[in-house]
Protein backbone atom coordinates (compact mmCIF):
# COMPACT_ATOMS: atom_id res chain seq x y z
CA UNK A 1 -39.83 -44.23 -82.91
CA UNK A 2 -40.66 -47.41 -81.00
CA UNK A 3 -43.91 -47.56 -78.98
CA UNK A 4 -41.98 -47.48 -75.70
CA UNK A 5 -39.94 -44.45 -76.82
CA UNK A 6 -43.15 -42.67 -77.81
CA UNK A 7 -44.66 -43.46 -74.40
CA UNK A 8 -41.58 -41.92 -72.70
CA UNK A 9 -41.87 -38.85 -74.94
CA UNK A 10 -45.47 -38.26 -73.79
CA UNK A 11 -44.81 -39.04 -70.10
CA UNK A 12 -46.85 -37.02 -67.60
CA UNK A 13 -45.18 -36.43 -64.24
CA UNK A 14 -46.58 -33.14 -62.90
CA UNK A 15 -49.87 -31.23 -62.86
CA UNK A 16 -50.94 -27.70 -62.00
CA UNK A 17 -54.54 -27.23 -60.86
CA UNK A 18 -56.36 -23.89 -60.78
CA UNK A 19 -59.72 -23.80 -58.94
CA UNK A 20 -62.26 -20.98 -59.00
CA UNK A 21 -65.93 -20.14 -59.54
CA UNK A 22 -67.47 -18.15 -62.35
CA UNK A 23 -70.94 -16.82 -63.23
CA UNK A 24 -72.77 -18.22 -66.27
CA UNK A 25 -72.33 -14.97 -68.21
CA UNK A 26 -68.53 -15.41 -68.13
CA UNK A 27 -68.48 -19.11 -69.08
CA UNK A 28 -68.29 -18.65 -72.91
CA UNK A 29 -65.35 -16.27 -72.54
CA UNK A 30 -63.65 -18.72 -70.22
CA UNK A 31 -63.87 -21.58 -72.73
CA UNK A 32 -62.39 -19.31 -75.42
CA UNK A 33 -59.58 -18.33 -73.04
CA UNK A 34 -58.85 -21.99 -72.26
CA UNK A 35 -58.61 -22.78 -75.97
CA UNK A 36 -56.11 -19.93 -76.44
CA UNK A 37 -54.16 -20.98 -73.34
CA UNK A 38 -53.89 -24.54 -74.64
CA UNK A 39 -52.50 -23.32 -77.97
CA UNK A 40 -49.98 -21.07 -76.20
CA UNK A 41 -48.92 -23.78 -73.72
CA UNK A 42 -48.49 -26.31 -76.54
CA UNK A 43 -45.44 -24.32 -77.64
CA UNK A 44 -43.58 -25.66 -74.58
CA UNK A 45 -42.02 -29.08 -75.32
CA UNK A 46 -42.95 -30.46 -71.87
CA UNK A 47 -46.65 -29.53 -72.11
CA UNK A 48 -48.83 -32.67 -72.19
CA UNK A 49 -52.37 -31.33 -72.08
CA UNK A 50 -55.04 -29.13 -70.55
CA UNK A 51 -58.29 -30.31 -69.02
CA UNK A 52 -61.04 -27.87 -68.02
CA UNK A 53 -63.76 -29.16 -65.70
CA UNK A 54 -66.99 -27.52 -64.56
CA UNK A 55 -69.52 -28.35 -61.87
CA UNK A 56 -72.72 -26.29 -61.97
CA UNK A 57 -74.17 -25.64 -58.53
CA UNK A 58 -75.67 -22.26 -59.29
CA UNK A 59 -72.23 -20.77 -59.70
CA UNK A 60 -69.93 -22.75 -61.97
CA UNK A 61 -67.06 -24.37 -60.07
CA UNK A 62 -64.12 -24.60 -62.44
CA UNK A 63 -60.95 -26.69 -62.29
CA UNK A 64 -58.27 -26.27 -64.92
CA UNK A 65 -55.60 -28.96 -64.94
CA UNK A 66 -52.44 -28.64 -66.99
CA UNK A 67 -50.26 -31.72 -67.41
CA UNK A 68 -46.48 -31.57 -67.69
CA UNK A 69 -43.23 -33.49 -67.82
CA UNK A 70 -39.65 -32.35 -67.33
CA UNK A 71 -39.16 -28.68 -66.46
CA UNK A 72 -42.48 -27.52 -67.92
CA UNK A 73 -44.16 -26.90 -64.59
CA UNK A 74 -41.26 -24.81 -63.31
CA UNK A 75 -40.68 -23.05 -66.64
CA UNK A 76 -44.28 -21.82 -66.74
CA UNK A 77 -44.66 -20.85 -63.05
CA UNK A 78 -44.45 -17.09 -63.68
CA UNK A 79 -46.92 -17.23 -66.58
CA UNK A 80 -49.27 -19.35 -64.47
CA UNK A 81 -49.19 -16.77 -61.67
CA UNK A 82 -50.04 -13.98 -64.13
CA UNK A 83 -52.94 -16.11 -65.45
CA UNK A 84 -54.14 -16.80 -61.90
CA UNK A 85 -54.18 -13.07 -61.10
CA UNK A 86 -56.02 -12.23 -64.35
CA UNK A 87 -58.64 -14.89 -63.68
CA UNK A 88 -59.08 -13.68 -60.08
CA UNK A 89 -59.61 -10.14 -61.35
CA UNK A 90 -62.08 -11.25 -64.03
CA UNK A 91 -64.21 -13.48 -61.78
CA UNK A 92 -63.88 -11.14 -58.78
CA UNK A 93 -63.05 -14.09 -56.52
CA UNK A 94 -60.00 -15.93 -55.35
CA UNK A 95 -58.27 -18.51 -57.52
CA UNK A 96 -56.33 -21.29 -55.87
CA UNK A 97 -53.34 -22.88 -57.54
CA UNK A 98 -51.61 -26.11 -56.50
CA UNK A 99 -49.00 -28.31 -58.11
CA UNK A 100 -49.08 -32.09 -57.88
CA UNK A 101 -46.92 -35.08 -58.72
CA UNK A 102 -48.83 -37.38 -61.09
CA UNK A 103 -49.12 -40.87 -59.61
CA UNK A 104 -50.80 -42.40 -62.63
CA UNK A 105 -51.93 -41.27 -66.08
CA UNK A 106 -53.52 -43.48 -68.71
CA UNK A 107 -54.25 -41.74 -72.02
CA UNK A 108 -56.98 -44.29 -72.76
CA UNK A 109 -57.86 -45.13 -76.36
CA UNK A 110 -55.14 -42.85 -77.73
CA UNK A 111 -52.85 -45.82 -77.12
CA UNK A 112 -54.86 -48.18 -79.36
CA UNK A 113 -53.07 -47.28 -82.64
CA UNK A 114 -49.71 -47.77 -80.92
CA UNK A 115 -50.77 -51.15 -79.52
CA UNK A 116 -52.15 -52.34 -82.88
CA UNK A 117 -48.98 -51.28 -84.71
CA UNK A 118 -46.85 -53.02 -82.10
CA UNK A 119 -48.94 -56.24 -82.35
CA UNK A 120 -48.60 -56.38 -86.15
């Protein structure tokens, strides 16, 4: 596969963002759940990645961003809603969910092997 074809294959066009807060005691379980979610989501051909972010201000503010191309965002909407409801029940707070169009995505150094191979 040429470098440009590989770049098209890994294109990121959409993102789903879940935002919520969680107590410290639930944080280890959350990271385990995110690892399992990433493995499960990776089975979808349009899944491009999962990023979990935390900001500690006494109560951990969490953002979970899943990256998609093609129909992945739509195909996983029902599963995402079930996950949102389960998280809301577990953290006893609301969980917001929004979908976005990705304006720009640069995978960073993961491109270096492709660029070196192309330059050779």
